[in-house]
Structures are given as structure tokens and as C-alpha cells.
Amino acid sequence: MKVWHIQTWVADTPHYLVSAETKEEAWKMVEEEWRKKFDTMGVGGRTSHFFGTEIYVHQDIEDLIEIVGLTTQTSLIIDLDEDIF
């Protein structure tokens, strides 16, 4: 299985390492873990400025970064800020 990384936006939010067969499965795991912890739909979230207008944006599947060359045999998700240290 491939491994992805995502540092979610906003202070004190998860820094996930995810192992799954596909990027879509990895993103689904990120969304599920996010909802367990924060009880909100969108992963991450921050205010951006676009031509003088503030908009609130969330992260999406494109924010997953594959760690090329690292593979596992187990599907898993860990929060590096909580589960490792």
C-alpha cells in the first residue's frame, strides 16, 4: 500500500500519515478521522483573501502528498503529533 502525508491547516490540528491502496481511500480515512476529532465536515480550514474578499477554504484530496518509495502492508492512519510523540 502507498503512504501519504497531510499537515492539516490551523494550529493544533492533526499531522496525518496515511497508508491505503488508493489516494481516494486515504482521503476517506483522513475525513473520517477529522470528523471524529472535530465533528465538522471539511478537513482543515482557513480564511483566504481573494481580491479583497475573505473566503473560508478547506483542504481536499489534492493536499495529500505521496511519500514515494515508502509502502506498507497495513491500511492505517496515525496523527504524528499525537500517536508518535
PDB file of N, CA and C in Angstrom:
ATOM      1  N   MET A   1       0.829  -1.179   0.000  1.00  0.00           N
ATOM      2  CA  MET A   1       0.000   0.000   0.000  1.00  0.00           C
ATOM      3  C   MET A   1       0.874   1.244   0.000  1.00  0.00           C
ATOM      4  N   LYS A   2       0.392   2.282  -0.625  1.00  0.00           N
ATOM      5  CA  LYS A   2       1.122   3.543  -0.671  1.00  0.00           C
ATOM      6  C   LYS A   2       0.906   4.329   0.623  1.00  0.00           C
ATOM      7  N   VAL A   3       1.771   5.308   0.836  1.00  0.00           N
ATOM      8  CA  VAL A   3       1.698   6.131   2.042  1.00  0.00           C
ATOM      9  C   VAL A   3       1.625   7.599   1.641  1.00  0.00           C
ATOM     10  N   TRP A   4       0.725   8.337   2.307  1.00  0.00           N
ATOM     11  CA  TRP A   4       0.558   9.771   2.067  1.00  0.00           C
ATOM     12  C   TRP A   4       0.716  10.530   3.374  1.00  0.00           C
ATOM     13  N   HIS A   5       0.945  11.815   3.221  1.00  0.00           N
ATOM     14  CA  HIS A   5       1.138  12.727   4.342  1.00  0.00           C
ATOM     15  C   HIS A   5       0.235  13.933   4.133  1.00  0.00           C
ATOM     16  N   ILE A   6      -0.332  14.461   5.209  1.00  0.00           N
ATOM     17  CA  ILE A   6      -1.059  15.723   5.128  1.00  0.00           C
ATOM     18  C   ILE A   6      -0.917  16.455   6.457  1.00  0.00           C
ATOM     19  N   GLN A   7      -0.444  17.676   6.376  1.00  0.00           N
ATOM     20  CA  GLN A   7      -0.395  18.568   7.537  1.00  0.00           C
ATOM     21  C   GLN A   7      -1.637  19.440   7.432  1.00  0.00           C
ATOM     22  N   THR A   8      -2.608  19.208   8.293  1.00  0.00           N
ATOM     23  CA  THR A   8      -3.854  19.967   8.188  1.00  0.00           C
ATOM     24  C   THR A   8      -3.646  21.399   8.650  1.00  0.00           C
ATOM     25  N   TRP A   9      -4.463  22.272   8.091  1.00  0.00           N
ATOM     26  CA  TRP A   9      -4.354  23.697   8.391  1.00  0.00           C
ATOM     27  C   TRP A   9      -4.908  23.998   9.765  1.00  0.00           C
ATOM     28  N   VAL A  10      -4.496  25.071  10.327  1.00  0.00           N
ATOM     29  CA  VAL A  10      -4.923  25.627  11.610  1.00  0.00           C
ATOM     30  C   VAL A  10      -4.054  25.037  12.727  1.00  0.00           C
ATOM     31  N   ALA A  11      -3.744  25.840  13.694  1.00  0.00           N
ATOM     32  CA  ALA A  11      -2.880  25.423  14.808  1.00  0.00           C
ATOM     33  C   ALA A  11      -3.517  24.273  15.590  1.00  0.00           C
ATOM     34  N   ASP A  12      -2.664  23.409  16.089  1.00  0.00           N
ATOM     35  CA  ASP A  12      -3.085  22.264  16.915  1.00  0.00           C
ATOM     36  C   ASP A  12      -4.022  21.310  16.203  1.00  0.00           C
ATOM     37  N   THR A  13      -3.864  21.166  14.895  1.00  0.00           N
ATOM     38  CA  THR A  13      -4.653  20.189  14.155  1.00  0.00           C
ATOM     39  C   THR A  13      -3.745  19.048  13.717  1.00  0.00           C
ATOM     40  N   PRO A  14      -4.331  17.919  13.332  1.00  0.00           N
ATOM     41  CA  PRO A  14      -3.547  16.718  13.040  1.00  0.00           C
ATOM     42  C   PRO A  14      -2.544  16.848  11.897  1.00  0.00           C
ATOM     43  N   HIS A  15      -1.534  16.039  12.012  1.00  0.00           N
ATOM     44  CA  HIS A  15      -0.489  15.871  11.007  1.00  0.00           C
ATOM     45  C   HIS A  15      -0.527  14.373  10.683  1.00  0.00           C
ATOM     46  N   TYR A  16      -1.298  14.008   9.645  1.00  0.00           N
ATOM     47  CA  TYR A  16      -1.590  12.605   9.374  1.00  0.00           C
ATOM     48  C   TYR A  16      -0.572  11.941   8.462  1.00  0.00           C
ATOM     49  N   LEU A  17      -0.309  10.689   8.768  1.00  0.00           N
ATOM     50  CA  LEU A  17       0.398   9.759   7.908  1.00  0.00           C
ATOM     51  C   LEU A  17      -0.619   8.665   7.615  1.00  0.00           C
ATOM     52  N   VAL A  18      -0.892   8.416   6.324  1.00  0.00           N
ATOM     53  CA  VAL A  18      -1.973   7.515   5.930  1.00  0.00           C
ATOM     54  C   VAL A  18      -1.449   6.463   4.972  1.00  0.00           C
ATOM     55  N   SER A  19      -1.816   5.219   5.221  1.00  0.00           N
ATOM     56  CA  SER A  19      -1.459   4.119   4.338  1.00  0.00           C
ATOM     57  C   SER A  19      -2.740   3.493   3.813  1.00  0.00           C
ATOM     58  N   ALA A  20      -2.850   3.409   2.476  1.00  0.00           N
ATOM     59  CA  ALA A  20      -4.051   2.836   1.849  1.00  0.00           C
ATOM     60  C   ALA A  20      -3.703   2.372   0.439  1.00  0.00           C
ATOM     61  N   GLU A  21      -4.614   1.602  -0.142  1.00  0.00           N
ATOM     62  CA  GLU A  21      -4.421   1.120  -1.514  1.00  0.00           C
ATOM     63  C   GLU A  21      -4.453   2.251  -2.528  1.00  0.00           C
ATOM     64  N   THR A  22      -5.378   3.211  -2.332  1.00  0.00           N
ATOM     65  CA  THR A  22      -5.530   4.299  -3.287  1.00  0.00           C
ATOM     66  C   THR A  22      -5.559   5.638  -2.559  1.00  0.00           C
ATOM     67  N   LYS A  23      -5.333   6.689  -3.314  1.00  0.00           N
ATOM     68  CA  LYS A  23      -5.387   8.034  -2.753  1.00  0.00           C
ATOM     69  C   LYS A  23      -6.806   8.343  -2.269  1.00  0.00           C
ATOM     70  N   GLU A  24      -7.808   7.858  -2.983  1.00  0.00           N
ATOM     71  CA  GLU A  24      -9.200   8.085  -2.600  1.00  0.00           C
ATOM     72  C   GLU A  24      -9.507   7.435  -1.255  1.00  0.00           C
ATOM     73  N   GLU A  25      -9.011   6.206  -1.048  1.00  0.00           N
ATOM     74  CA  GLU A  25      -9.214   5.530   0.235  1.00  0.00           C
ATOM     75  C   GLU A  25      -8.489   6.283   1.351  1.00  0.00           C
ATOM     76  N   ALA A  26      -7.299   6.772   1.069  1.00  0.00           N
ATOM     77  CA  ALA A  26      -6.533   7.529   2.063  1.00  0.00           C
ATOM     78  C   ALA A  26      -7.294   8.794   2.453  1.00  0.00           C
ATOM     79  N   TRP A  27      -7.857   9.490   1.472  1.00  0.00           N
ATOM     80  CA  TRP A  27      -8.599  10.718   1.765  1.00  0.00           C
ATOM     81  C   TRP A  27      -9.843  10.423   2.604  1.00  0.00           C
ATOM     82  N   LYS A  28     -10.517   9.329   2.302  1.00  0.00           N
ATOM     83  CA  LYS A  28     -11.699   8.943   3.084  1.00  0.00           C
ATOM     84  C   LYS A  28     -11.303   8.718   4.548  1.00  0.00           C
ATOM     85  N   MET A  29     -10.162   8.096   4.779  1.00  0.00           N
ATOM     86  CA  MET A  29      -9.683   7.867   6.147  1.00  0.00           C
ATOM     87  C   MET A  29      -9.383   9.191   6.845  1.00  0.00           C
ATOM     88  N   VAL A  30      -8.790  10.129   6.115  1.00  0.00           N
ATOM     89  CA  VAL A  30      -8.499  11.453   6.682  1.00  0.00           C
ATOM     90  C   VAL A  30      -9.796  12.139   7.091  1.00  0.00           C
ATOM     91  N   GLU A  31     -10.781  12.119   6.192  1.00  0.00           N
ATOM     92  CA  GLU A  31     -12.065  12.757   6.502  1.00  0.00           C
ATOM     93  C   GLU A  31     -12.730  12.129   7.726  1.00  0.00           C
ATOM     94  N   GLU A  32     -12.704  10.807   7.824  1.00  0.00           N
ATOM     95  CA  GLU A  32     -13.323  10.119   8.962  1.00  0.00           C
ATOM     96  C   GLU A  32     -12.621  10.463  10.278  1.00  0.00           C
ATOM     97  N   GLU A  33     -11.305  10.464  10.278  1.00  0.00           N
ATOM     98  CA  GLU A  33     -10.568  10.811  11.492  1.00  0.00           C
ATOM     99  C   GLU A  33     -10.798  12.265  11.888  1.00  0.00           C
ATOM    100  N   TRP A  34     -10.838  13.145  10.897  1.00  0.00           N
ATOM    101  CA  TRP A  34     -11.088  14.567  11.163  1.00  0.00           C
ATOM    102  C   TRP A  34     -12.451  14.745  11.848  1.00  0.00           C
ATOM    103  N   ARG A  35     -13.483  14.077  11.317  1.00  0.00           N
ATOM    104  CA  ARG A  35     -14.835  14.208  11.880  1.00  0.00           C
ATOM    105  C   ARG A  35     -14.903  13.674  13.307  1.00  0.00           C
ATOM    106  N   LYS A  36     -14.167  12.595  13.586  1.00  0.00           N
ATOM    107  CA  LYS A  36     -14.145  12.057  14.953  1.00  0.00           C
ATOM    108  C   LYS A  36     -13.585  13.087  15.934  1.00  0.00           C
ATOM    109  N   LYS A  37     -12.568  13.785  15.509  1.00  0.00           N
ATOM    110  CA  LYS A  37     -11.883  14.715  16.403  1.00  0.00           C
ATOM    111  C   LYS A  37     -12.578  16.072  16.486  1.00  0.00           C
ATOM    112  N   PHE A  38     -13.089  16.577  15.369  1.00  0.00           N
ATOM    113  CA  PHE A  38     -13.596  17.944  15.332  1.00  0.00           C
ATOM    114  C   PHE A  38     -15.088  18.056  15.055  1.00  0.00           C
ATOM    115  N   ASP A  39     -15.748  16.973  14.662  1.00  0.00           N
ATOM    116  CA  ASP A  39     -17.176  16.981  14.390  1.00  0.00           C
ATOM    117  C   ASP A  39     -17.564  18.047  13.363  1.00  0.00           C
ATOM    118  N   THR A  40     -16.730  18.216  12.350  1.00  0.00           N
ATOM    119  CA  THR A  40     -17.029  19.115  11.238  1.00  0.00           C
ATOM    120  C   THR A  40     -16.781  18.375   9.932  1.00  0.00           C
ATOM    121  N   MET A  41     -17.384  18.845   8.868  1.00  0.00           N
ATOM    122  CA  MET A  41     -17.281  18.157   7.591  1.00  0.00           C
ATOM    123  C   MET A  41     -15.966  18.428   6.859  1.00  0.00           C
ATOM    124  N   GLY A  42     -15.543  19.663   6.779  1.00  0.00           N
ATOM    125  CA  GLY A  42     -14.366  19.997   5.988  1.00  0.00           C
ATOM    126  C   GLY A  42     -13.081  19.769   6.749  1.00  0.00           C
ATOM    127  N   VAL A  43     -12.109  19.151   6.103  1.00  0.00           N
ATOM    128  CA  VAL A  43     -10.793  18.929   6.711  1.00  0.00           C
ATOM    129  C   VAL A  43     -10.007  20.228   6.673  1.00  0.00           C
ATOM    130  N   GLY A  44      -9.357  20.539   7.778  1.00  0.00           N
ATOM    131  CA  GLY A  44      -8.597  21.780   7.843  1.00  0.00           C
ATOM    132  C   GLY A  44      -9.545  22.959   7.740  1.00  0.00           C
ATOM    133  N   GLY A  45      -9.075  24.025   7.278  1.00  0.00           N
ATOM    134  CA  GLY A  45      -9.910  25.202   7.084  1.00  0.00           C
ATOM    135  C   GLY A  45      -9.141  26.452   7.446  1.00  0.00           C
ATOM    136  N   ARG A  46      -9.270  27.422   6.622  1.00  0.00           N
ATOM    137  CA  ARG A  46      -8.614  28.696   6.889  1.00  0.00           C
ATOM    138  C   ARG A  46      -9.292  29.779   6.054  1.00  0.00           C
ATOM    139  N   THR A  47      -9.077  30.986   6.463  1.00  0.00           N
ATOM    140  CA  THR A  47      -9.613  32.117   5.731  1.00  0.00           C
ATOM    141  C   THR A  47      -8.564  32.582   4.736  1.00  0.00           C
ATOM    142  N   SER A  48      -8.968  32.705   3.492  1.00  0.00           N
ATOM    143  CA  SER A  48      -8.092  33.217   2.443  1.00  0.00           C
ATOM    144  C   SER A  48      -8.669  34.518   1.925  1.00  0.00           C
ATOM    145  N   HIS A  49      -7.824  35.305   1.312  1.00  0.00           N
ATOM    146  CA  HIS A  49      -8.258  36.566   0.738  1.00  0.00           C
ATOM    147  C   HIS A  49      -8.153  36.480  -0.776  1.00  0.00           C
ATOM    148  N   PHE A  50      -9.228  36.814  -1.438  1.00  0.00           N
ATOM    149  CA  PHE A  50      -9.298  36.747  -2.888  1.00  0.00           C
ATOM    150  C   PHE A  50      -9.867  38.061  -3.396  1.00  0.00           C
ATOM    151  N   PHE A  51      -9.030  38.868  -3.979  1.00  0.00           N
ATOM    152  CA  PHE A  51      -9.434  40.181  -4.482  1.00  0.00           C
ATOM    153  C   PHE A  51     -10.190  40.994  -3.431  1.00  0.00           C
ATOM    154  N   GLY A  52      -9.639  41.012  -2.205  1.00  0.00           N
ATOM    155  CA  GLY A  52     -10.220  41.792  -1.129  1.00  0.00           C
ATOM    156  C   GLY A  52     -11.390  41.138  -0.420  1.00  0.00           C
ATOM    157  N   THR A  53     -11.780  39.937  -0.853  1.00  0.00           N
ATOM    158  CA  THR A  53     -12.893  39.224  -0.228  1.00  0.00           C
ATOM    159  C   THR A  53     -12.348  38.058   0.581  1.00  0.00           C
ATOM    160  N   GLU A  54     -12.819  37.907   1.809  1.00  0.00           N
ATOM    161  CA  GLU A  54     -12.422  36.776   2.632  1.00  0.00           C
ATOM    162  C   GLU A  54     -13.288  35.570   2.288  1.00  0.00           C
ATOM    163  N   ILE A  55     -12.636  34.436   2.054  1.00  0.00           N
ATOM    164  CA  ILE A  55     -13.370  33.192   1.834  1.00  0.00           C
ATOM    165  C   ILE A  55     -12.777  32.120   2.738  1.00  0.00           C
ATOM    166  N   TYR A  56     -13.611  31.225   3.202  1.00  0.00           N
ATOM    167  CA  TYR A  56     -13.172  30.134   4.071  1.00  0.00           C
ATOM    168  C   TYR A  56     -12.984  28.901   3.201  1.00  0.00           C
ATOM    169  N   VAL A  57     -11.796  28.338   3.198  1.00  0.00           N
ATOM    170  CA  VAL A  57     -11.499  27.193   2.348  1.00  0.00           C
ATOM    171  C   VAL A  57     -11.074  26.000   3.190  1.00  0.00           C
ATOM    172  N   HIS A  58     -11.349  24.808   2.660  1.00  0.00           N
ATOM    173  CA  HIS A  58     -10.961  23.555   3.306  1.00  0.00           C
ATOM    174  C   HIS A  58      -9.948  22.827   2.433  1.00  0.00           C
ATOM    175  N   GLN A  59      -9.265  21.876   3.035  1.00  0.00           N
ATOM    176  CA  GLN A  59      -8.350  21.046   2.272  1.00  0.00           C
ATOM    177  C   GLN A  59      -9.125  19.960   1.543  1.00  0.00           C
ATOM    178  N   ASP A  60      -8.492  19.382   0.520  1.00  0.00           N
ATOM    179  CA  ASP A  60      -9.129  18.305  -0.211  1.00  0.00           C
ATOM    180  C   ASP A  60      -8.093  17.248  -0.579  1.00  0.00           C
ATOM    181  N   ILE A  61      -8.511  16.294  -1.367  1.00  0.00           N
ATOM    182  CA  ILE A  61      -7.666  15.152  -1.719  1.00  0.00           C
ATOM    183  C   ILE A  61      -6.335  15.577  -2.344  1.00  0.00           C
ATOM    184  N   GLU A  62      -6.330  16.707  -3.009  1.00  0.00           N
ATOM    185  CA  GLU A  62      -5.101  17.187  -3.651  1.00  0.00           C
ATOM    186  C   GLU A  62      -4.044  17.620  -2.636  1.00  0.00           C
ATOM    187  N   ASP A  63      -4.438  17.791  -1.379  1.00  0.00           N
ATOM    188  CA  ASP A  63      -3.483  18.166  -0.337  1.00  0.00           C
ATOM    189  C   ASP A  63      -2.736  16.962   0.240  1.00  0.00           C
ATOM    190  N   LEU A  64      -3.131  15.755  -0.147  1.00  0.00           N
ATOM    191  CA  LEU A  64      -2.383  14.560   0.247  1.00  0.00           C
ATOM    192  C   LEU A  64      -1.101  14.492  -0.578  1.00  0.00           C
ATOM    193  N   ILE A  65       0.005  14.285   0.079  1.00  0.00           N
ATOM    194  CA  ILE A  65       1.303  14.211  -0.588  1.00  0.00           C
ATOM    195  C   ILE A  65       1.830  12.787  -0.449  1.00  0.00           C
ATOM    196  N   GLU A  66       2.032  12.133  -1.578  1.00  0.00           N
ATOM    197  CA  GLU A  66       2.538  10.760  -1.548  1.00  0.00           C
ATOM    198  C   GLU A  66       4.000  10.753  -1.123  1.00  0.00           C
ATOM    199  N   ILE A  67       4.336   9.815  -0.253  1.00  0.00           N
ATOM    200  CA  ILE A  67       5.730   9.616   0.142  1.00  0.00           C
ATOM    201  C   ILE A  67       6.246   8.486  -0.749  1.00  0.00           C
ATOM    202  N   VAL A  68       6.858   8.861  -1.847  1.00  0.00           N
ATOM    203  CA  VAL A  68       7.298   7.905  -2.864  1.00  0.00           C
ATOM    204  C   VAL A  68       8.362   6.975  -2.284  1.00  0.00           C
ATOM    205  N   GLY A  69       8.177   5.682  -2.540  1.00  0.00           N
ATOM    206  CA  GLY A  69       9.146   4.695  -2.100  1.00  0.00           C
ATOM    207  C   GLY A  69       8.819   4.069  -0.749  1.00  0.00           C
ATOM    208  N   LEU A  70       7.909   4.662   0.012  1.00  0.00           N
ATOM    209  CA  LEU A  70       7.503   4.112   1.302  1.00  0.00           C
ATOM    210  C   LEU A  70       6.196   3.362   1.110  1.00  0.00           C
ATOM    211  N   THR A  71       6.176   2.094   1.478  1.00  0.00           N
ATOM    212  CA  THR A  71       4.964   1.285   1.364  1.00  0.00           C
ATOM    213  C   THR A  71       4.741   0.518   2.654  1.00  0.00           C
ATOM    214  N   THR A  72       3.509   0.063   2.835  1.00  0.00           N
ATOM    215  CA  THR A  72       3.166  -0.764   3.997  1.00  0.00           C
ATOM    216  C   THR A  72       2.296  -1.915   3.530  1.00  0.00           C
ATOM    217  N   GLN A  73       2.055  -2.838   4.426  1.00  0.00           N
ATOM    218  CA  GLN A  73       1.137  -3.931   4.129  1.00  0.00           C
ATOM    219  C   GLN A  73      -0.168  -3.770   4.897  1.00  0.00           C
ATOM    220  N   THR A  74      -0.270  -2.697   5.677  1.00  0.00           N
ATOM    221  CA  THR A  74      -1.435  -2.462   6.516  1.00  0.00           C
ATOM    222  C   THR A  74      -2.063  -1.113   6.209  1.00  0.00           C
ATOM    223  N   SER A  75      -3.372  -1.082   6.124  1.00  0.00           N
ATOM    224  CA  SER A  75      -4.091   0.171   5.970  1.00  0.00           C
ATOM    225  C   SER A  75      -4.185   0.820   7.347  1.00  0.00           C
ATOM    226  N   LEU A  76      -3.711   2.066   7.451  1.00  0.00           N
ATOM    227  CA  LEU A  76      -3.746   2.737   8.748  1.00  0.00           C
ATOM    228  C   LEU A  76      -3.651   4.237   8.598  1.00  0.00           C
ATOM    229  N   ILE A  77      -4.027   4.942   9.664  1.00  0.00           N
ATOM    230  CA  ILE A  77      -3.857   6.385   9.729  1.00  0.00           C
ATOM    231  C   ILE A  77      -3.385   6.721  11.133  1.00  0.00           C
ATOM    232  N   ILE A  78      -2.364   7.555  11.200  1.00  0.00           N
ATOM    233  CA  ILE A  78      -1.871   7.999  12.501  1.00  0.00           C
ATOM    234  C   ILE A  78      -1.691   9.510  12.467  1.00  0.00           C
ATOM    235  N   ASP A  79      -1.879  10.105  13.611  1.00  0.00           N
ATOM    236  CA  ASP A  79      -1.609  11.527  13.780  1.00  0.00           C
ATOM    237  C   ASP A  79      -0.204  11.624  14.372  1.00  0.00           C
ATOM    238  N   LEU A  80       0.730  12.090  13.591  1.00  0.00           N
ATOM    239  CA  LEU A  80       2.110  12.150  14.049  1.00  0.00           C
ATOM    240  C   LEU A  80       2.288  13.026  15.284  1.00  0.00           C
ATOM    241  N   ASP A  81       1.427  14.013  15.461  1.00  0.00           N
ATOM    242  CA  ASP A  81       1.528  14.882  16.626  1.00  0.00           C
ATOM    243  C   ASP A  81       1.058  14.211  17.900  1.00  0.00           C
ATOM    244  N   GLU A  82       0.200  13.199  17.792  1.00  0.00           N
ATOM    245  CA  GLU A  82      -0.336  12.521  18.985  1.00  0.00           C
ATOM    246  C   GLU A  82       0.203  11.116  19.150  1.00  0.00           C
ATOM    247  N   ASP A  83       0.211  10.338  18.082  1.00  0.00           N
ATOM    248  CA  ASP A  83       0.478   8.915  18.183  1.00  0.00           C
ATOM    249  C   ASP A  83       1.958   8.553  18.308  1.00  0.00           C
ATOM    250  N   ILE A  84       2.828   9.421  17.892  1.00  0.00           N
ATOM    251  CA  ILE A  84       4.252   9.103  17.893  1.00  0.00           C
ATOM    252  C   ILE A  84       4.973   9.711  19.084  1.00  0.00           C
ATOM    253  N   PHE A  85       4.683  10.961  19.368  1.00  0.00           N
ATOM    254  CA  PHE A  85       5.466  11.682  20.381  1.00  0.00           C
ATOM    255  C   PHE A  85       4.812  11.662  21.717  1.00  0.00           C
TER     256      PHE A  85
END
